[in-house]
Protein backbone atom coordinates (compact mmCIF):
# COMPACT_ATOMS: atom_id res chain seq x y z
CA MET A 1 -7.50 -26.42 6.20
CA THR A 2 -10.55 -24.55 5.10
CA PHE A 3 -9.13 -21.25 6.57
CA PHE A 4 -5.47 -21.87 5.05
CA LEU A 5 -7.14 -22.54 1.52
CA PHE A 6 -9.21 -19.42 2.07
CA CYS A 7 -5.91 -17.09 2.33
CA SER A 8 -4.31 -19.21 0.07
CA VAL A 9 -7.17 -18.59 -2.76
CA GLY A 10 -7.23 -14.62 -1.55
CA LEU A 11 -3.63 -14.22 -1.36
CA ILE A 12 -2.87 -15.68 -5.06
CA GLY A 13 -6.21 -13.74 -6.38
CA LEU A 14 -5.07 -10.61 -5.21
CA LEU A 15 -1.86 -10.86 -6.41
CA LEU A 16 -3.13 -11.69 -10.25
CA GLY A 17 -6.02 -9.08 -9.43
CA GLY A 18 -3.63 -6.36 -8.89
CA THR A 19 -1.52 -7.17 -11.37
CA LEU A 20 -4.36 -7.12 -13.91
CA LEU A 21 -5.70 -3.78 -12.77
CA VAL A 22 -2.83 -1.70 -12.53
CA GLN A 23 -2.10 -3.84 -16.39
CA GLY A 24 -5.56 -2.40 -17.56
CA ALA A 25 -5.72 0.70 -15.93
CA VAL A 26 -1.77 1.93 -17.11
CA GLY A 27 -2.80 0.88 -20.73
CA ILE A 28 -6.26 2.85 -21.15
CA ALA A 29 -4.38 6.05 -19.54
CA ALA A 30 -1.84 5.49 -22.37
CA ARG A 31 -3.76 5.22 -24.82
CA LEU A 32 -5.96 8.37 -23.65
CA GLY A 33 -3.04 10.65 -23.47
CA VAL A 34 -2.59 11.09 -19.85
CA SER A 35 0.65 12.13 -18.52
CA PRO A 36 3.64 10.06 -17.37
CA LEU A 37 3.21 11.83 -13.54
CA LEU A 38 -0.48 10.27 -13.22
CA ILE A 39 0.47 7.17 -14.48
CA GLY A 40 3.51 6.46 -12.43
CA VAL A 41 2.12 8.31 -8.98
CA VAL A 42 -1.34 7.96 -9.01
CA LEU A 43 -2.54 4.90 -11.35
CA VAL A 44 0.31 2.88 -10.70
CA GLY A 45 0.81 4.40 -6.80
CA PHE A 46 -2.82 4.21 -5.86
CA GLY A 47 -3.76 1.40 -8.48
CA THR A 48 -1.34 -1.14 -6.39
CA SER A 49 -3.70 -0.56 -3.44
CA THR A 50 -6.55 -1.27 -4.71
CA PRO A 51 -6.35 -4.95 -2.94
CA GLU A 52 -5.88 -3.33 0.49
CA LEU A 53 -9.05 -1.29 -0.41
CA LEU A 54 -11.45 -3.63 -1.25
CA THR A 55 -9.84 -5.98 1.58
CA SER A 56 -10.54 -2.91 4.13
CA LEU A 57 -13.96 -2.32 3.36
CA ASN A 58 -14.50 -6.15 3.40
CA ALA A 59 -12.95 -6.48 6.99
CA ALA A 60 -14.92 -3.46 8.29
CA LEU A 61 -18.41 -4.12 6.89
CA ALA A 62 -17.58 -8.01 8.14
CA GLY A 63 -17.26 -6.59 11.73
CA SER A 64 -13.65 -6.88 11.51
CA PRO A 65 -11.79 -3.67 12.45
CA GLY A 66 -8.52 -5.01 13.69
CA ILE A 67 -7.90 -6.42 9.86
CA ALA A 68 -9.28 -3.14 8.30
CA THR A 69 -6.89 -0.69 10.55
CA GLY A 70 -4.30 -3.40 10.47
CA ASN A 71 -4.18 -4.17 6.96
CA VAL A 72 -3.55 -0.26 6.30
CA VAL A 73 -1.09 0.12 9.02
CA GLY A 74 1.10 -2.99 8.10
CA SER A 75 0.94 -2.44 4.65
CA ASN A 76 2.85 0.71 5.18
CA ILE A 77 5.06 -0.90 7.08
CA ALA A 78 5.69 -3.55 4.81
CA ASN A 79 6.18 -1.29 1.74
CA ILE A 80 8.99 0.60 2.63
CA LEU A 81 10.72 -2.28 5.13
CA LEU A 82 10.04 -5.03 2.94
CA ILE A 83 9.40 -4.09 -0.55
CA LEU A 84 11.92 -1.13 -0.82
CA GLY A 85 14.75 -3.21 1.04
CA LEU A 86 14.05 -6.20 -1.36
CA THR A 87 14.32 -3.58 -4.11
CA ALA A 88 17.01 -1.64 -2.75
CA LEU A 89 19.07 -5.30 -2.44
CA VAL A 90 18.08 -6.02 -6.34
CA ARG A 91 19.73 -2.42 -7.10
CA PRO A 92 20.43 0.94 -5.11
CA ALA A 93 17.88 2.95 -5.88
CA LEU A 94 18.40 6.56 -6.54
CA LEU A 95 15.77 8.81 -4.44
CA ASP A 96 14.99 11.70 -6.47
CA HIS A 97 14.89 14.88 -4.46
CA LYS A 98 11.90 16.75 -6.55
CA ILE A 99 10.04 13.42 -5.59
CA MET A 100 11.25 12.92 -1.74
CA VAL A 101 10.44 16.53 -1.60
CA LEU A 102 6.52 16.61 -3.09
CA ASP A 103 5.59 12.73 -2.51
CA GLY A 104 7.73 11.68 0.21
CA SER A 105 6.76 15.07 2.19
CA ALA A 106 3.01 14.45 1.74
CA MET A 107 3.62 10.97 2.77
CA MET A 108 5.38 12.10 6.17
CA LEU A 109 2.32 14.61 6.79
CA VAL A 110 -0.44 11.76 6.28
CA THR A 111 0.91 9.71 8.03
CA LEU A 112 1.42 12.05 11.39
CA LEU A 113 -2.53 13.04 10.43
CA ALA A 114 -3.42 9.97 11.44
CA VAL A 115 -1.42 9.21 14.54
CA PRO A 116 -3.82 11.10 16.36
CA MET A 117 -6.52 9.77 14.79
CA LEU A 118 -5.16 6.35 15.49
CA LEU A 119 -4.72 7.14 19.25
CA SER A 120 -8.29 8.43 19.80
CA GLY A 121 -9.28 4.53 19.22
CA MET A 122 -11.93 5.49 17.00
CA ILE A 123 -11.98 6.60 12.79
CA GLY A 124 -15.32 8.10 12.55
CA ARG A 125 -16.89 9.71 9.49
CA ILE A 126 -15.81 13.12 10.36
CA GLU A 127 -11.99 11.27 10.84
CA GLY A 128 -12.79 10.37 7.53
CA ALA A 129 -13.74 12.85 5.54
CA ILE A 130 -10.96 14.99 6.47
CA LEU A 131 -8.70 12.16 5.34
CA CYS A 132 -10.25 11.93 2.19
CA ALA A 133 -9.82 15.94 1.84
CA ALA A 134 -6.27 15.45 2.37
CA LEU A 135 -6.11 12.73 -0.41
CA ALA A 136 -8.05 15.31 -2.81
CA THR A 137 -5.34 18.20 -1.78
CA TYR A 138 -2.50 16.13 -2.37
CA LEU A 139 -3.98 15.06 -5.69
CA ILE A 140 -4.35 18.59 -6.97
CA VAL A 141 -1.05 20.42 -5.28
CA ARG A 142 0.91 17.39 -6.95
CA VAL A 143 -1.07 17.53 -10.60
CA SER A 144 -0.58 21.44 -10.48
CA LYS A 145 3.22 21.00 -9.54
CA GLY A 146 3.97 19.19 -12.92
CA GLY A 147 7.29 16.96 -13.26
CA GLU A 148 7.15 13.62 -14.43
CA ILE A 149 8.38 10.03 -13.54
CA ASP A 150 9.16 7.61 -16.02
CA ALA A 151 6.49 5.12 -17.37
CA ILE A 152 7.18 1.61 -17.24
CA ASP A 153 8.07 -0.31 -20.37
CA GLU A 154 4.71 -1.14 -21.21
CA LEU A 155 3.93 2.15 -22.13
CA GLU A 156 6.42 2.31 -24.85
CA ALA A 157 3.62 -0.04 -26.94
CA PRO A 158 0.39 0.60 -25.22
CA PRO A 159 -2.35 -2.37 -25.67
CA PRO A 160 -5.54 -1.50 -27.52
CA VAL A 161 -8.08 0.01 -24.94
CA LEU A 162 -10.19 -3.12 -25.40
CA ARG A 163 -7.53 -5.11 -24.64
CA ALA A 164 -6.77 -2.76 -21.59
CA SER A 165 -10.20 -2.26 -20.35
CA VAL A 166 -10.94 -6.26 -20.13
CA ALA A 167 -7.94 -6.24 -18.12
CA PHE A 168 -9.00 -4.06 -16.05
CA ALA A 169 -12.75 -4.89 -15.36
CA ALA A 170 -11.21 -8.97 -14.94
CA GLY A 171 -8.41 -7.71 -12.60
CA LEU A 172 -11.49 -5.73 -10.10
CA ALA A 173 -13.64 -8.72 -10.51
CA VAL A 174 -10.78 -10.96 -9.18
CA THR A 175 -9.67 -8.53 -6.62
CA LEU A 176 -13.03 -8.05 -5.02
CA ILE A 177 -13.26 -11.93 -4.55
CA SER A 178 -10.14 -12.44 -3.56
CA ALA A 179 -10.46 -9.54 -0.81
CA HIS A 180 -13.97 -11.37 0.07
CA PHE A 181 -11.75 -15.10 0.28
CA LEU A 182 -8.36 -13.52 2.28
CA VAL A 183 -10.79 -11.68 4.84
CA LEU A 184 -12.51 -15.21 5.64
CA GLY A 185 -9.43 -16.93 6.09
CA ALA A 186 -8.05 -14.40 8.43
CA VAL A 187 -10.75 -13.89 10.36
CA GLY A 188 -10.94 -18.30 10.70
CA PHE A 189 -7.34 -18.17 11.07
CA ALA A 190 -7.62 -15.84 13.97
CA ARG A 191 -10.27 -17.40 16.03
CA LEU A 192 -8.47 -20.92 15.27
CA LEU A 193 -5.51 -19.81 16.61
CA ASN A 194 -6.67 -17.47 19.47
CA ILE A 195 -4.67 -14.84 17.91
CA SER A 196 -6.27 -10.84 17.21
CA GLU A 197 -7.28 -9.99 14.23
CA ALA A 198 -5.07 -6.84 14.48
CA VAL A 199 -2.22 -8.84 14.41
CA ILE A 200 -3.25 -11.14 11.20
CA GLY A 201 -4.04 -7.35 9.65
CA VAL A 202 -0.69 -5.86 10.02
CA THR A 203 1.09 -9.46 9.03
CA ILE A 204 -0.35 -12.03 6.78
CA VAL A 205 -3.13 -9.79 5.32
CA ALA A 206 -1.04 -6.52 5.16
CA VAL A 207 1.91 -8.49 3.21
CA GLY A 208 -1.23 -10.29 1.09
CA THR A 209 -2.59 -6.93 -0.38
CA SER A 210 0.67 -5.27 -0.48
CA LEU A 211 1.99 -8.06 -3.43
CA PRO A 212 1.16 -6.25 -6.43
CA GLU A 213 3.40 -3.31 -4.96
CA LEU A 214 6.14 -5.79 -4.53
CA VAL A 215 5.41 -7.18 -8.01
CA THR A 216 5.54 -3.84 -9.27
CA SER A 217 8.70 -2.38 -7.68
CA LEU A 218 11.00 -5.00 -8.32
CA ILE A 219 10.09 -5.20 -11.77
CA ALA A 220 10.73 -1.53 -11.42
CA ALA A 221 14.26 -2.41 -10.03
CA ARG A 222 15.20 -4.87 -12.18
CA LYS A 223 14.84 -2.36 -15.18
CA GLY A 224 16.63 0.62 -13.61
CA GLN A 225 13.34 2.46 -13.05
CA SER A 226 13.81 3.40 -9.34
CA ASP A 227 12.05 6.80 -10.04
CA MET A 228 8.61 4.17 -10.49
CA ALA A 229 9.78 1.71 -7.69
CA ILE A 230 9.98 4.71 -5.27
CA GLY A 231 6.60 6.66 -6.68
CA ASN A 232 4.97 3.05 -6.80
CA ILE A 233 5.56 2.97 -2.98
CA LEU A 234 5.00 6.57 -2.41
CA GLY A 235 1.82 7.00 -3.72
CA SER A 236 0.56 3.36 -2.42
CA ASN A 237 1.36 4.47 1.03
CA ILE A 238 -0.42 8.02 0.76
CA PHE A 239 -3.54 6.34 -0.70
CA ASN A 240 -3.63 3.53 1.64
CA ILE A 241 -4.36 6.27 5.00
CA SER A 242 -5.72 8.97 3.44
CA GLY A 243 -7.75 7.37 0.45
CA ILE A 244 -8.38 3.01 2.11
CA LEU A 245 -8.61 4.50 5.89
CA GLY A 246 -10.81 7.53 4.67
CA LEU A 247 -13.26 5.61 2.32
CA THR A 248 -13.46 2.69 5.11
CA ALA A 249 -14.29 5.13 7.66
CA LEU A 250 -16.79 7.03 5.70
CA ILE A 251 -18.57 3.85 4.68
CA HIS A 252 -18.33 2.17 8.45
CA PRO A 253 -16.41 3.99 11.28
CA LEU A 254 -13.50 2.01 12.59
CA GLU A 255 -12.63 0.88 15.95
CA VAL A 256 -8.51 0.92 16.19
CA PRO A 257 -7.39 -2.34 18.66
CA LEU A 258 -4.91 -0.78 21.38
CA SER A 259 -1.98 -2.60 20.11
CA ILE A 260 -2.20 -1.19 17.13
CA SER A 261 -2.81 2.47 18.80
CA SER A 262 -0.02 2.13 20.73
CA TYR A 263 2.63 -0.11 19.18
CA ASP A 264 2.38 -0.91 15.25
CA GLN A 265 1.29 2.78 14.36
CA TRP A 266 4.99 4.08 15.79
CA ILE A 267 6.70 1.38 13.80
CA MET A 268 4.79 3.02 10.81
CA VAL A 269 5.75 6.29 11.75
CA ALA A 270 9.38 5.42 12.20
CA ALA A 271 9.60 3.74 8.67
CA ALA A 272 8.23 6.76 6.80
CA ALA A 273 10.75 8.90 8.46
CA ALA A 274 13.67 6.80 7.73
CA LEU A 275 12.64 6.58 4.20
CA LEU A 276 12.03 10.43 4.52
CA GLY A 277 15.75 11.17 5.64
CA ALA A 278 17.30 8.92 3.20
CA GLY A 279 15.73 10.36 0.18
CA LEU A 280 16.48 14.04 1.96
CA ASN A 281 20.01 13.86 3.27
CA TRP A 282 21.69 10.78 0.73
CA GLY A 283 19.61 10.52 -2.24
CA ARG A 284 19.53 6.87 -2.39
CA LEU A 285 18.85 3.47 -0.80
CA SER A 286 21.86 1.26 -1.11
CA ARG A 287 22.08 -2.26 -0.67
CA ILE A 288 23.37 -1.79 2.90
CA SER A 289 19.96 0.31 3.58
CA GLY A 290 17.93 -2.33 1.73
CA GLY A 291 19.39 -4.98 4.34
CA VAL A 292 18.87 -2.59 7.15
CA PHE A 293 15.30 -1.81 6.32
CA LEU A 294 14.74 -5.88 6.17
CA VAL A 295 16.19 -6.42 8.96
CA SER A 296 14.09 -4.02 10.79
CA TYR A 297 11.23 -5.69 9.64
CA ALA A 298 12.16 -8.94 10.51
CA ALA A 299 12.95 -7.53 14.14
CA TYR A 300 9.35 -5.86 13.94
CA ILE A 301 7.90 -8.78 12.62
CA ALA A 302 9.46 -11.38 15.69
CA THR A 303 8.35 -8.40 18.12
CA LEU A 304 4.59 -9.65 16.72
CA VAL A 305 5.79 -13.15 17.30
CA ARG A 306 6.65 -12.85 20.80
CA SER A 307 3.49 -11.34 21.60
CA LEU A 308 1.17 -14.00 20.74
């Protein structure tokens, strides 16, 4: 019962904290005149990944590498198949060709970069440095290429800097505490039910830490801002691999569970390829495509359940 309470508090806290973090960061950036490009792709896309970062770091430091790596891989899978699937059902999303060429290709490249690292069974500090360098390269290239992504509605009347700063600080504090509770609860569940931490990481923890992406994308889709929804997911997935795995491995080398290196990571690669292919070939995600993504995610979860 205690583990369930920890997980519940952690999940609710991550949703609240992640939302406050993004709103605060976007509000501060808007008041300081930061470009819509950085707000749309970097602040929103990367900002919604803060729960993943703090959760993976907590898990790694707590000696739970299965949760740390499973959280990243599972979040990337959920971001595409679950969140974009739901987003497309709410409103078919246009996949801007320029965004897919730049950000979609970057997502695919960092995903492929992680494959040999995951297959090796260990992501050490050298690999972490390589991933962080890839993130820095992406940011430099993306900013130099320019191009704007529509900002969310809140940017039409950004809040005062003080209020945005308070929201950001509160969001960070709530997210830190919530990540700690979620890891405690997830590890407890895994041990109580005799389920591997890797499975808990790619399912409960991954979906929980992806809640800010889900909320942001669904709101953007409902308001007809498909660029924001897609940019949010692309930026998040890039940061999950290059930033979260990279930073976590730099601080604490990660042992990769066999189930992730032999199965889950290939689902992540296939999901990234499906999104990139849809963007480059069709330029949109229809409701049918969204349904296919959701069915694929359900099938993936079903295979994990059957393996228990």
